[in-house]
PDB file of N, CA and C in Angstrom:
ATOM      1  N   MET A   1      34.196 -25.941  40.466  1.00  0.00           N
ATOM      2  CA  MET A   1      33.716 -24.737  39.819  1.00  0.00           C
ATOM      3  C   MET A   1      34.306 -23.528  40.528  1.00  0.00           C
ATOM      4  N   SER A   2      34.925 -22.655  39.755  1.00  0.00           N
ATOM      5  CA  SER A   2      35.530 -21.479  40.383  1.00  0.00           C
ATOM      6  C   SER A   2      34.575 -20.298  40.287  1.00  0.00           C
ATOM      7  N   ARG A   3      34.633 -19.493  41.296  1.00  0.00           N
ATOM      8  CA  ARG A   3      33.784 -18.291  41.320  1.00  0.00           C
ATOM      9  C   ARG A   3      34.661 -17.064  41.109  1.00  0.00           C
ATOM     10  N   HIS A   4      34.134 -16.161  40.263  1.00  0.00           N
ATOM     11  CA  HIS A   4      34.860 -14.924  40.000  1.00  0.00           C
ATOM     12  C   HIS A   4      34.071 -13.776  40.588  1.00  0.00           C
ATOM     13  N   ARG A   5      34.800 -12.863  41.130  1.00  0.00           N
ATOM     14  CA  ARG A   5      34.159 -11.674  41.658  1.00  0.00           C
ATOM     15  C   ARG A   5      34.051 -10.633  40.560  1.00  0.00           C
ATOM     16  N   ILE A   6      32.900 -10.028  40.463  1.00  0.00           N
ATOM     17  CA  ILE A   6      32.679  -8.970  39.479  1.00  0.00           C
ATOM     18  C   ILE A   6      32.749  -7.657  40.225  1.00  0.00           C
ATOM     19  N   SER A   7      33.717  -6.824  39.822  1.00  0.00           N
ATOM     20  CA  SER A   7      33.899  -5.562  40.526  1.00  0.00           C
ATOM     21  C   SER A   7      33.274  -4.373  39.786  1.00  0.00           C
ATOM     22  N   ASP A   8      33.165  -4.469  38.485  1.00  0.00           N
ATOM     23  CA  ASP A   8      32.531  -3.377  37.743  1.00  0.00           C
ATOM     24  C   ASP A   8      31.954  -3.906  36.424  1.00  0.00           C
ATOM     25  N   LEU A   9      31.394  -3.014  35.625  1.00  0.00           N
ATOM     26  CA  LEU A   9      30.747  -3.415  34.367  1.00  0.00           C
ATOM     27  C   LEU A   9      31.721  -3.974  33.339  1.00  0.00           C
ATOM     28  N   ALA A  10      32.973  -3.587  33.420  1.00  0.00           N
ATOM     29  CA  ALA A  10      33.963  -4.108  32.479  1.00  0.00           C
ATOM     30  C   ALA A  10      34.089  -5.615  32.630  1.00  0.00           C
ATOM     31  N   ASP A  11      33.978  -6.120  33.858  1.00  0.00           N
ATOM     32  CA  ASP A  11      34.035  -7.563  34.086  1.00  0.00           C
ATOM     33  C   ASP A  11      32.839  -8.264  33.462  1.00  0.00           C
ATOM     34  N   VAL A  12      31.671  -7.626  33.521  1.00  0.00           N
ATOM     35  CA  VAL A  12      30.467  -8.207  32.918  1.00  0.00           C
ATOM     36  C   VAL A  12      30.604  -8.219  31.400  1.00  0.00           C
ATOM     37  N   ARG A  13      31.122  -7.135  30.820  1.00  0.00           N
ATOM     38  CA  ARG A  13      31.322  -7.067  29.369  1.00  0.00           C
ATOM     39  C   ARG A  13      32.299  -8.130  28.899  1.00  0.00           C
ATOM     40  N   ALA A  14      33.272  -8.458  29.731  1.00  0.00           N
ATOM     41  CA  ALA A  14      34.237  -9.497  29.370  1.00  0.00           C
ATOM     42  C   ALA A  14      33.552 -10.860  29.255  1.00  0.00           C
ATOM     43  N   LEU A  15      32.496 -11.071  30.040  1.00  0.00           N
ATOM     44  CA  LEU A  15      31.765 -12.331  29.978  1.00  0.00           C
ATOM     45  C   LEU A  15      30.923 -12.450  28.708  1.00  0.00           C
ATOM     46  N   PHE A  16      30.415 -11.300  28.201  1.00  0.00           N
ATOM     47  CA  PHE A  16      29.552 -11.258  27.013  1.00  0.00           C
ATOM     48  C   PHE A  16      30.107 -10.240  26.028  1.00  0.00           C
ATOM     49  N   PRO A  17      31.165 -10.576  25.300  1.00  0.00           N
ATOM     50  CA  PRO A  17      31.843  -9.581  24.458  1.00  0.00           C
ATOM     51  C   PRO A  17      31.027  -9.059  23.281  1.00  0.00           C
ATOM     52  N   ASP A  18      30.121  -9.851  22.719  1.00  0.00           N
ATOM     53  CA  ASP A  18      29.381  -9.429  21.520  1.00  0.00           C
ATOM     54  C   ASP A  18      27.983  -8.928  21.814  1.00  0.00           C
ATOM     55  N   ALA A  19      27.576  -8.857  23.047  1.00  0.00           N
ATOM     56  CA  ALA A  19      26.189  -8.537  23.393  1.00  0.00           C
ATOM     57  C   ALA A  19      25.787  -7.139  22.961  1.00  0.00           C
ATOM     58  N   GLY A  20      26.618  -6.150  23.139  1.00  0.00           N
ATOM     59  CA  GLY A  20      26.254  -4.769  22.831  1.00  0.00           C
ATOM     60  C   GLY A  20      26.208  -4.464  21.355  1.00  0.00           C
ATOM     61  N   GLU A  21      27.054  -5.113  20.563  1.00  0.00           N
ATOM     62  CA  GLU A  21      27.142  -4.806  19.139  1.00  0.00           C
ATOM     63  C   GLU A  21      25.869  -5.179  18.393  1.00  0.00           C
ATOM     64  N   GLU A  22      25.288  -6.321  18.703  1.00  0.00           N
ATOM     65  CA  GLU A  22      24.064  -6.753  18.026  1.00  0.00           C
ATOM     66  C   GLU A  22      22.922  -5.802  18.310  1.00  0.00           C
ATOM     67  N   LYS A  23      22.813  -5.376  19.548  1.00  0.00           N
ATOM     68  CA  LYS A  23      21.729  -4.474  19.927  1.00  0.00           C
ATOM     69  C   LYS A  23      21.861  -3.136  19.216  1.00  0.00           C
ATOM     70  N   GLU A  24      23.080  -2.594  19.145  1.00  0.00           N
ATOM     71  CA  GLU A  24      23.295  -1.320  18.466  1.00  0.00           C
ATOM     72  C   GLU A  24      22.927  -1.422  16.993  1.00  0.00           C
ATOM     73  N   GLN A  25      23.316  -2.507  16.338  1.00  0.00           N
ATOM     74  CA  GLN A  25      23.005  -2.706  14.926  1.00  0.00           C
ATOM     75  C   GLN A  25      21.500  -2.830  14.719  1.00  0.00           C
ATOM     76  N   HIS A  26      20.828  -3.562  15.602  1.00  0.00           N
ATOM     77  CA  HIS A  26      19.382  -3.743  15.506  1.00  0.00           C
ATOM     78  C   HIS A  26      18.662  -2.408  15.686  1.00  0.00           C
ATOM     79  N   VAL A  27      19.080  -1.594  16.642  1.00  0.00           N
ATOM     80  CA  VAL A  27      18.455  -0.299  16.882  1.00  0.00           C
ATOM     81  C   VAL A  27      18.680   0.619  15.690  1.00  0.00           C
ATOM     82  N   GLU A  28      19.881   0.593  15.118  1.00  0.00           N
ATOM     83  CA  GLU A  28      20.180   1.431  13.961  1.00  0.00           C
ATOM     84  C   GLU A  28      19.313   1.048  12.768  1.00  0.00           C
ATOM     85  N   ASN A  29      19.163  -0.244  12.494  1.00  0.00           N
ATOM     86  CA  ASN A  29      18.317  -0.705  11.385  1.00  0.00           C
ATOM     87  C   ASN A  29      16.856  -0.347  11.620  1.00  0.00           C
ATOM     88  N   ALA A  30      16.384  -0.469  12.856  1.00  0.00           N
ATOM     89  CA  ALA A  30      14.997  -0.133  13.176  1.00  0.00           C
ATOM     90  C   ALA A  30      14.741   1.351  12.940  1.00  0.00           C
ATOM     91  N   CYS A  31      15.702   2.192  13.294  1.00  0.00           N
ATOM     92  CA  CYS A  31      15.544   3.637  13.080  1.00  0.00           C
ATOM     93  C   CYS A  31      15.490   3.968  11.596  1.00  0.00           C
ATOM     94  N   GLU A  32      16.351   3.323  10.796  1.00  0.00           N
ATOM     95  CA  GLU A  32      16.341   3.552   9.350  1.00  0.00           C
ATOM     96  C   GLU A  32      15.018   3.128   8.734  1.00  0.00           C
ATOM     97  N   ASP A  33      14.518   1.953   9.114  1.00  0.00           N
ATOM     98  CA  ASP A  33      13.244   1.461   8.587  1.00  0.00           C
ATOM     99  C   ASP A  33      12.106   2.387   8.967  1.00  0.00           C
ATOM    100  N   ARG A  34      12.124   2.878  10.193  1.00  0.00           N
ATOM    101  CA  ARG A  34      11.072   3.783  10.653  1.00  0.00           C
ATOM    102  C   ARG A  34      11.124   5.099   9.884  1.00  0.00           C
ATOM    103  N   ALA A  35      12.316   5.642   9.687  1.00  0.00           N
ATOM    104  CA  ALA A  35      12.462   6.891   8.939  1.00  0.00           C
ATOM    105  C   ALA A  35      11.955   6.718   7.508  1.00  0.00           C
ATOM    106  N   THR A  36      12.270   5.589   6.906  1.00  0.00           N
ATOM    107  CA  THR A  36      11.838   5.324   5.532  1.00  0.00           C
ATOM    108  C   THR A  36      10.323   5.195   5.452  1.00  0.00           C
ATOM    109  N   SER A  37       9.722   4.502   6.408  1.00  0.00           N
ATOM    110  CA  SER A  37       8.274   4.285   6.344  1.00  0.00           C
ATOM    111  C   SER A  37       7.484   5.555   6.660  1.00  0.00           C
ATOM    112  N   LEU A  38       8.065   6.480   7.420  1.00  0.00           N
ATOM    113  CA  LEU A  38       7.360   7.718   7.765  1.00  0.00           C
ATOM    114  C   LEU A  38       7.432   8.771   6.662  1.00  0.00           C
ATOM    115  N   VAL A  39       8.424   8.666   5.815  1.00  0.00           N
ATOM    116  CA  VAL A  39       8.630   9.669   4.769  1.00  0.00           C
ATOM    117  C   VAL A  39       7.633   9.448   3.638  1.00  0.00           C
ATOM    118  N   LYS A  40       7.041  10.543   3.183  1.00  0.00           N
ATOM    119  CA  LYS A  40       6.168  10.502   2.005  1.00  0.00           C
ATOM    120  C   LYS A  40       6.797  11.428   0.968  1.00  0.00           C
ATOM    121  N   LEU A  41       7.342  10.838  -0.067  1.00  0.00           N
ATOM    122  CA  LEU A  41       8.037  11.597  -1.099  1.00  0.00           C
ATOM    123  C   LEU A  41       7.072  12.110  -2.151  1.00  0.00           C
ATOM    124  N   HIS A  42       7.405  13.262  -2.706  1.00  0.00           N
ATOM    125  CA  HIS A  42       6.623  13.864  -3.784  1.00  0.00           C
ATOM    126  C   HIS A  42       7.523  13.946  -5.020  1.00  0.00           C
ATOM    127  N   VAL A  43       7.084  13.330  -6.107  1.00  0.00           N
ATOM    128  CA  VAL A  43       7.842  13.334  -7.357  1.00  0.00           C
ATOM    129  C   VAL A  43       7.071  14.171  -8.362  1.00  0.00           C
ATOM    130  N   GLN A  44       7.757  15.143  -8.952  1.00  0.00           N
ATOM    131  CA  GLN A  44       7.081  16.020  -9.915  1.00  0.00           C
ATOM    132  C   GLN A  44       8.058  16.480 -10.985  1.00  0.00           C
ATOM    133  N   LEU A  45       7.507  16.919 -12.110  1.00  0.00           N
ATOM    134  CA  LEU A  45       8.293  17.494 -13.191  1.00  0.00           C
ATOM    135  C   LEU A  45       8.206  19.005 -13.063  1.00  0.00           C
ATOM    136  N   GLU A  46       9.355  19.655 -13.037  1.00  0.00           N
ATOM    137  CA  GLU A  46       9.379  21.110 -12.895  1.00  0.00           C
ATOM    138  C   GLU A  46      10.098  21.717 -14.095  1.00  0.00           C
ATOM    139  N   LYS A  47       9.454  22.712 -14.714  1.00  0.00           N
ATOM    140  CA  LYS A  47      10.048  23.401 -15.860  1.00  0.00           C
ATOM    141  C   LYS A  47      10.252  24.887 -15.591  1.00  0.00           C
ATOM    142  N   LYS A  48       9.599  25.377 -14.571  1.00  0.00           N
ATOM    143  CA  LYS A  48       9.617  26.802 -14.263  1.00  0.00           C
ATOM    144  C   LYS A  48      11.032  27.290 -13.935  1.00  0.00           C
ATOM    145  N   GLY A  49      11.463  28.339 -14.617  1.00  0.00           N
ATOM    146  CA  GLY A  49      12.766  28.940 -14.366  1.00  0.00           C
ATOM    147  C   GLY A  49      13.934  28.129 -14.901  1.00  0.00           C
ATOM    148  N   ARG A  50      13.655  27.215 -15.815  1.00  0.00           N
ATOM    149  CA  ARG A  50      14.724  26.359 -16.344  1.00  0.00           C
ATOM    150  C   ARG A  50      14.803  26.438 -17.874  1.00  0.00           C
ATOM    151  N   LYS A  51      14.316  27.534 -18.410  1.00  0.00           N
ATOM    152  CA  LYS A  51      14.350  27.782 -19.859  1.00  0.00           C
ATOM    153  C   LYS A  51      13.683  26.664 -20.649  1.00  0.00           C
ATOM    154  N   GLY A  52      12.580  26.139 -20.133  1.00  0.00           N
ATOM    155  CA  GLY A  52      11.789  25.137 -20.836  1.00  0.00           C
ATOM    156  C   GLY A  52      12.268  23.707 -20.685  1.00  0.00           C
ATOM    157  N   LYS A  53      13.392  23.517 -20.026  1.00  0.00           N
ATOM    158  CA  LYS A  53      13.908  22.161 -19.841  1.00  0.00           C
ATOM    159  C   LYS A  53      13.358  21.583 -18.539  1.00  0.00           C
ATOM    160  N   GLY A  54      12.900  20.356 -18.600  1.00  0.00           N
ATOM    161  CA  GLY A  54      12.286  19.734 -17.437  1.00  0.00           C
ATOM    162  C   GLY A  54      13.284  19.077 -16.503  1.00  0.00           C
ATOM    163  N   VAL A  55      12.943  19.095 -15.229  1.00  0.00           N
ATOM    164  CA  VAL A  55      13.746  18.454 -14.199  1.00  0.00           C
ATOM    165  C   VAL A  55      12.811  17.642 -13.319  1.00  0.00           C
ATOM    166  N   THR A  56      13.147  16.387 -13.060  1.00  0.00           N
ATOM    167  CA  THR A  56      12.379  15.570 -12.133  1.00  0.00           C
ATOM    168  C   THR A  56      12.821  15.946 -10.727  1.00  0.00           C
ATOM    169  N   LEU A  57      11.865  16.378  -9.916  1.00  0.00           N
ATOM    170  CA  LEU A  57      12.150  16.863  -8.565  1.00  0.00           C
ATOM    171  C   LEU A  57      11.540  15.891  -7.560  1.00  0.00           C
ATOM    172  N   ILE A  58      12.361  15.383  -6.651  1.00  0.00           N
ATOM    173  CA  ILE A  58      11.896  14.481  -5.598  1.00  0.00           C
ATOM    174  C   ILE A  58      12.142  15.174  -4.276  1.00  0.00           C
ATOM    175  N   LYS A  59      11.079  15.448  -3.522  1.00  0.00           N
ATOM    176  CA  LYS A  59      11.246  16.135  -2.242  1.00  0.00           C
ATOM    177  C   LYS A  59      10.411  15.478  -1.156  1.00  0.00           C
ATOM    178  N   GLY A  60      10.725  15.828   0.076  1.00  0.00           N
ATOM    179  CA  GLY A  60      10.030  15.270   1.222  1.00  0.00           C
ATOM    180  C   GLY A  60      10.916  14.388   2.081  1.00  0.00           C
ATOM    181  N   PHE A  61      12.229  14.465   1.905  1.00  0.00           N
ATOM    182  CA  PHE A  61      13.168  13.623   2.645  1.00  0.00           C
ATOM    183  C   PHE A  61      13.411  14.155   4.054  1.00  0.00           C
ATOM    184  N   PHE A  62      13.698  13.238   4.965  1.00  0.00           N
ATOM    185  CA  PHE A  62      14.165  13.578   6.313  1.00  0.00           C
ATOM    186  C   PHE A  62      15.438  12.782   6.587  1.00  0.00           C
ATOM    187  N   HIS A  63      16.298  12.688   5.597  1.00  0.00           N
ATOM    188  CA  HIS A  63      17.519  11.905   5.687  1.00  0.00           C
ATOM    189  C   HIS A  63      18.730  12.837   5.702  1.00  0.00           C
ATOM    190  N   THR A  64      19.886  12.268   5.958  1.00  0.00           N
ATOM    191  CA  THR A  64      21.112  13.047   5.967  1.00  0.00           C
ATOM    192  C   THR A  64      21.511  13.399   4.531  1.00  0.00           C
ATOM    193  N   GLU A  65      22.379  14.380   4.436  1.00  0.00           N
ATOM    194  CA  GLU A  65      22.888  14.807   3.128  1.00  0.00           C
ATOM    195  C   GLU A  65      23.608  13.640   2.438  1.00  0.00           C
ATOM    196  N   GLU A  66      24.310  12.851   3.215  1.00  0.00           N
ATOM    197  CA  GLU A  66      25.029  11.694   2.666  1.00  0.00           C
ATOM    198  C   GLU A  66      24.061  10.671   2.064  1.00  0.00           C
ATOM    199  N   ASP A  67      22.946  10.415   2.749  1.00  0.00           N
ATOM    200  CA  ASP A  67      21.941   9.487   2.221  1.00  0.00           C
ATOM    201  C   ASP A  67      21.346  10.018   0.923  1.00  0.00           C
ATOM    202  N   LEU A  68      21.047  11.306   0.896  1.00  0.00           N
ATOM    203  CA  LEU A  68      20.474  11.903  -0.319  1.00  0.00           C
ATOM    204  C   LEU A  68      21.444  11.795  -1.491  1.00  0.00           C
ATOM    205  N   ARG A  69      22.715  12.050  -1.224  1.00  0.00           N
ATOM    206  CA  ARG A  69      23.713  11.934  -2.298  1.00  0.00           C
ATOM    207  C   ARG A  69      23.809  10.502  -2.811  1.00  0.00           C
ATOM    208  N   SER A  70      23.684   9.541  -1.912  1.00  0.00           N
ATOM    209  CA  SER A  70      23.722   8.133  -2.310  1.00  0.00           C
ATOM    210  C   SER A  70      22.507   7.782  -3.171  1.00  0.00           C
ATOM    211  N   PHE A  71      21.305   8.222  -2.744  1.00  0.00           N
ATOM    212  CA  PHE A  71      20.097   7.992  -3.536  1.00  0.00           C
ATOM    213  C   PHE A  71      20.237   8.647  -4.908  1.00  0.00           C
ATOM    214  N   ALA A  72      20.721   9.884  -4.944  1.00  0.00           N
ATOM    215  CA  ALA A  72      20.854  10.625  -6.202  1.00  0.00           C
ATOM    216  C   ALA A  72      21.840   9.936  -7.137  1.00  0.00           C
ATOM    217  N   ARG A  73      22.950   9.465  -6.587  1.00  0.00           N
ATOM    218  CA  ARG A  73      23.962   8.800  -7.409  1.00  0.00           C
ATOM    219  C   ARG A  73      23.378   7.569  -8.092  1.00  0.00           C
ATOM    220  N   GLU A  74      22.664   6.757  -7.332  1.00  0.00           N
ATOM    221  CA  GLU A  74      22.095   5.530  -7.898  1.00  0.00           C
ATOM    222  C   GLU A  74      20.984   5.848  -8.897  1.00  0.00           C
ATOM    223  N   LEU A  75      20.161   6.845  -8.584  1.00  0.00           N
ATOM    224  CA  LEU A  75      19.065   7.224  -9.475  1.00  0.00           C
ATOM    225  C   LEU A  75      19.592   7.825 -10.774  1.00  0.00           C
ATOM    226  N   LYS A  76      20.642   8.630 -10.699  1.00  0.00           N
ATOM    227  CA  LYS A  76      21.231   9.216 -11.904  1.00  0.00           C
ATOM    228  C   LYS A  76      21.777   8.130 -12.823  1.00  0.00           C
ATOM    229  N   SER A  77      22.386   7.110 -12.250  1.00  0.00           N
ATOM    230  CA  SER A  77      22.925   6.042 -13.097  1.00  0.00           C
ATOM    231  C   SER A  77      21.796   5.225 -13.723  1.00  0.00           C
ATOM    232  N   ARG A  78      20.699   5.030 -13.005  1.00  0.00           N
ATOM    233  CA  ARG A  78      19.552   4.310 -13.581  1.00  0.00           C
ATOM    234  C   ARG A  78      18.916   5.095 -14.726  1.00  0.00           C
ATOM    235  N   CYS A  79      18.868   6.407 -14.575  1.00  0.00           N
ATOM    236  CA  CYS A  79      18.236   7.256 -15.594  1.00  0.00           C
ATOM    237  C   CYS A  79      19.195   7.611 -16.725  1.00  0.00           C
ATOM    238  N   GLY A  80      20.484   7.457 -16.499  1.00  0.00           N
ATOM    239  CA  GLY A  80      21.463   7.864 -17.503  1.00  0.00           C
ATOM    240  C   GLY A  80      21.451   9.356 -17.702  1.00  0.00           C
ATOM    241  N   SER A  81      21.348  10.078 -16.595  1.00  0.00           N
ATOM    242  CA  SER A  81      21.187  11.519 -16.658  1.00  0.00           C
ATOM    243  C   SER A  81      21.940  12.177 -15.507  1.00  0.00           C
ATOM    244  N   GLY A  82      22.106  13.481 -15.605  1.00  0.00           N
ATOM    245  CA  GLY A  82      22.747  14.239 -14.542  1.00  0.00           C
ATOM    246  C   GLY A  82      21.744  14.649 -13.498  1.00  0.00           C
ATOM    247  N   GLY A  83      22.239  15.212 -12.424  1.00  0.00           N
ATOM    248  CA  GLY A  83      21.358  15.670 -11.371  1.00  0.00           C
ATOM    249  C   GLY A  83      22.148  16.184 -10.189  1.00  0.00           C
ATOM    250  N   THR A  84      21.416  16.611  -9.164  1.00  0.00           N
ATOM    251  CA  THR A  84      22.057  17.178  -7.985  1.00  0.00           C
ATOM    252  C   THR A  84      21.155  17.046  -6.765  1.00  0.00           C
ATOM    253  N   VAL A  85      21.726  17.364  -5.614  1.00  0.00           N
ATOM    254  CA  VAL A  85      20.974  17.424  -4.359  1.00  0.00           C
ATOM    255  C   VAL A  85      20.951  18.881  -3.928  1.00  0.00           C
ATOM    256  N   LYS A  86      19.743  19.428  -3.748  1.00  0.00           N
ATOM    257  CA  LYS A  86      19.579  20.830  -3.332  1.00  0.00           C
ATOM    258  C   LYS A  86      18.442  20.925  -2.325  1.00  0.00           C
ATOM    259  N   ASP A  87      18.646  21.651  -1.251  1.00  0.00           N
ATOM    260  CA  ASP A  87      17.583  21.961  -0.283  1.00  0.00           C
ATOM    261  C   ASP A  87      16.787  20.731   0.144  1.00  0.00           C
ATOM    262  N   ASN A  88      17.470  19.668   0.552  1.00  0.00           N
ATOM    263  CA  ASN A  88      16.822  18.419   0.980  1.00  0.00           C
ATOM    264  C   ASN A  88      15.923  17.811  -0.092  1.00  0.00           C
ATOM    265  N   SER A  89      16.278  17.992  -1.350  1.00  0.00           N
ATOM    266  CA  SER A  89      15.553  17.361  -2.445  1.00  0.00           C
ATOM    267  C   SER A  89      16.554  16.908  -3.503  1.00  0.00           C
ATOM    268  N   ILE A  90      16.092  16.026  -4.373  1.00  0.00           N
ATOM    269  CA  ILE A  90      16.937  15.509  -5.450  1.00  0.00           C
ATOM    270  C   ILE A  90      16.373  16.005  -6.772  1.00  0.00           C
ATOM    271  N   GLU A  91      17.248  16.528  -7.633  1.00  0.00           N
ATOM    272  CA  GLU A  91      16.859  16.974  -8.962  1.00  0.00           C
ATOM    273  C   GLU A  91      17.579  16.108  -9.990  1.00  0.00           C
ATOM    274  N   ILE A  92      16.800  15.531 -10.906  1.00  0.00           N
ATOM    275  CA  ILE A  92      17.359  14.716 -11.990  1.00  0.00           C
ATOM    276  C   ILE A  92      16.977  15.379 -13.307  1.00  0.00           C
ATOM    277  N   GLN A  93      17.952  15.603 -14.169  1.00  0.00           N
ATOM    278  CA  GLN A  93      17.689  16.280 -15.432  1.00  0.00           C
ATOM    279  C   GLN A  93      16.817  15.413 -16.321  1.00  0.00           C
ATOM    280  N   GLY A  94      15.737  16.003 -16.852  1.00  0.00           N
ATOM    281  CA  GLY A  94      14.834  15.297 -17.747  1.00  0.00           C
ATOM    282  C   GLY A  94      13.609  14.768 -17.014  1.00  0.00           C
ATOM    283  N   ASP A  95      12.703  14.161 -17.773  1.00  0.00           N
ATOM    284  CA  ASP A  95      11.469  13.622 -17.209  1.00  0.00           C
ATOM    285  C   ASP A  95      11.676  12.137 -16.892  1.00  0.00           C
ATOM    286  N   HIS A  96      11.996  11.850 -15.648  1.00  0.00           N
ATOM    287  CA  HIS A  96      12.237  10.483 -15.202  1.00  0.00           C
ATOM    288  C   HIS A  96      11.357  10.152 -13.998  1.00  0.00           C
ATOM    289  N   ARG A  97      10.119  10.662 -14.034  1.00  0.00           N
ATOM    290  CA  ARG A  97       9.214  10.470 -12.894  1.00  0.00           C
ATOM    291  C   ARG A  97       8.907   9.001 -12.638  1.00  0.00           C
ATOM    292  N   SER A  98       8.617   8.243 -13.678  1.00  0.00           N
ATOM    293  CA  SER A  98       8.242   6.833 -13.475  1.00  0.00           C
ATOM    294  C   SER A  98       9.408   6.022 -12.909  1.00  0.00           C
ATOM    295  N   VAL A  99      10.620   6.288 -13.385  1.00  0.00           N
ATOM    296  CA  VAL A  99      11.800   5.584 -12.873  1.00  0.00           C
ATOM    297  C   VAL A  99      12.026   5.934 -11.404  1.00  0.00           C
ATOM    298  N   ALA A 100      11.871   7.214 -11.062  1.00  0.00           N
ATOM    299  CA  ALA A 100      12.070   7.662  -9.680  1.00  0.00           C
ATOM    300  C   ALA A 100      11.037   7.042  -8.750  1.00  0.00           C
ATOM    301  N   VAL A 101       9.787   6.984  -9.192  1.00  0.00           N
ATOM    302  CA  VAL A 101       8.719   6.400  -8.365  1.00  0.00           C
ATOM    303  C   VAL A 101       9.013   4.921  -8.112  1.00  0.00           C
ATOM    304  N   GLN A 102       9.362   4.184  -9.148  1.00  0.00           N
ATOM    305  CA  GLN A 102       9.673   2.759  -8.994  1.00  0.00           C
ATOM    306  C   GLN A 102      10.877   2.550  -8.074  1.00  0.00           C
ATOM    307  N   TYR A 103      11.903   3.352  -8.245  1.00  0.00           N
ATOM    308  CA  TYR A 103      13.124   3.229  -7.448  1.00  0.00           C
ATOM    309  C   TYR A 103      12.834   3.418  -5.958  1.00  0.00           C
ATOM    310  N   PHE A 104      12.120   4.483  -5.620  1.00  0.00           N
ATOM    311  CA  PHE A 104      11.875   4.773  -4.199  1.00  0.00           C
ATOM    312  C   PHE A 104      10.829   3.844  -3.591  1.00  0.00           C
ATOM    313  N   ARG A 105       9.900   3.349  -4.373  1.00  0.00           N
ATOM    314  CA  ARG A 105       8.954   2.353  -3.838  1.00  0.00           C
ATOM    315  C   ARG A 105       9.673   1.051  -3.507  1.00  0.00           C
ATOM    316  N   LYS A 106      10.629   0.661  -4.336  1.00  0.00           N
ATOM    317  CA  LYS A 106      11.417  -0.545  -4.038  1.00  0.00           C
ATOM    318  C   LYS A 106      12.247  -0.358  -2.764  1.00  0.00           C
ATOM    319  N   LYS A 107      12.639   0.875  -2.487  1.00  0.00           N
ATOM    320  CA  LYS A 107      13.406   1.175  -1.280  1.00  0.00           C
ATOM    321  C   LYS A 107      12.528   1.219  -0.043  1.00  0.00           C
ATOM    322  N   GLY A 108      11.186   1.183  -0.226  1.00  0.00           N
ATOM    323  CA  GLY A 108      10.276   1.164   0.918  1.00  0.00           C
ATOM    324  C   GLY A 108       9.626   2.495   1.241  1.00  0.00           C
ATOM    325  N   PHE A 109       9.821   3.498   0.413  1.00  0.00           N
ATOM    326  CA  PHE A 109       9.230   4.820   0.638  1.00  0.00           C
ATOM    327  C   PHE A 109       7.783   4.845   0.146  1.00  0.00           C
ATOM    328  N   ARG A 110       6.986   5.709   0.732  1.00  0.00           N
ATOM    329  CA  ARG A 110       5.669   6.010   0.183  1.00  0.00           C
ATOM    330  C   ARG A 110       5.863   7.162  -0.789  1.00  0.00           C
ATOM    331  N   VAL A 111       5.327   7.038  -1.989  1.00  0.00           N
ATOM    332  CA  VAL A 111       5.581   8.026  -3.049  1.00  0.00           C
ATOM    333  C   VAL A 111       4.275   8.501  -3.633  1.00  0.00           C
ATOM    334  N   THR A 112       4.151   9.828  -3.839  1.00  0.00           N
ATOM    335  CA  THR A 112       2.995  10.399  -4.526  1.00  0.00           C
ATOM    336  C   THR A 112       3.479  11.120  -5.755  1.00  0.00           C
ATOM    337  N   GLY A 113       2.599  11.281  -6.722  1.00  0.00           N
ATOM    338  CA  GLY A 113       2.922  11.972  -7.968  1.00  0.00           C
ATOM    339  C   GLY A 113       3.693  11.078  -8.916  1.00  0.00           C
ATOM    340  N   GLY A 114       4.172  11.686  -9.967  1.00  0.00           N
ATOM    341  CA  GLY A 114       5.008  10.958 -10.905  1.00  0.00           C
ATOM    342  C   GLY A 114       4.304  10.232 -12.012  1.00  0.00           C
ATOM    343  N   GLU A 115       2.986  10.186 -12.004  1.00  0.00           N
ATOM    344  CA  GLU A 115       2.277   9.475 -13.079  1.00  0.00           C
ATOM    345  C   GLU A 115       1.915  10.393 -14.195  1.00  0.00           C
TER     346      GLU A 115
END
């Protein structure tokens, strides 16, 4: 049996090449799950200042702009409608409260309103 001298942390990393990657992925997933479970979304229909046309408004996010755009893209395709991301909220053209509530509950969010 040969013995190797370890002079620094790089030698230890060489012995366990995949050890750090799993931990980083696990921590990242745990943070995402925690952020999702802490968020309480509010879904409402807003007509004020829109010339009588309704917009489904989803607010209460604490996610990045990229995450919001991803949620909006998928929700718009489910509703078959246009929409946008503004001021940390998602706006979908038309009354799609029930679809939005179902979508975000499946994603693990706590949702109020929309009925």
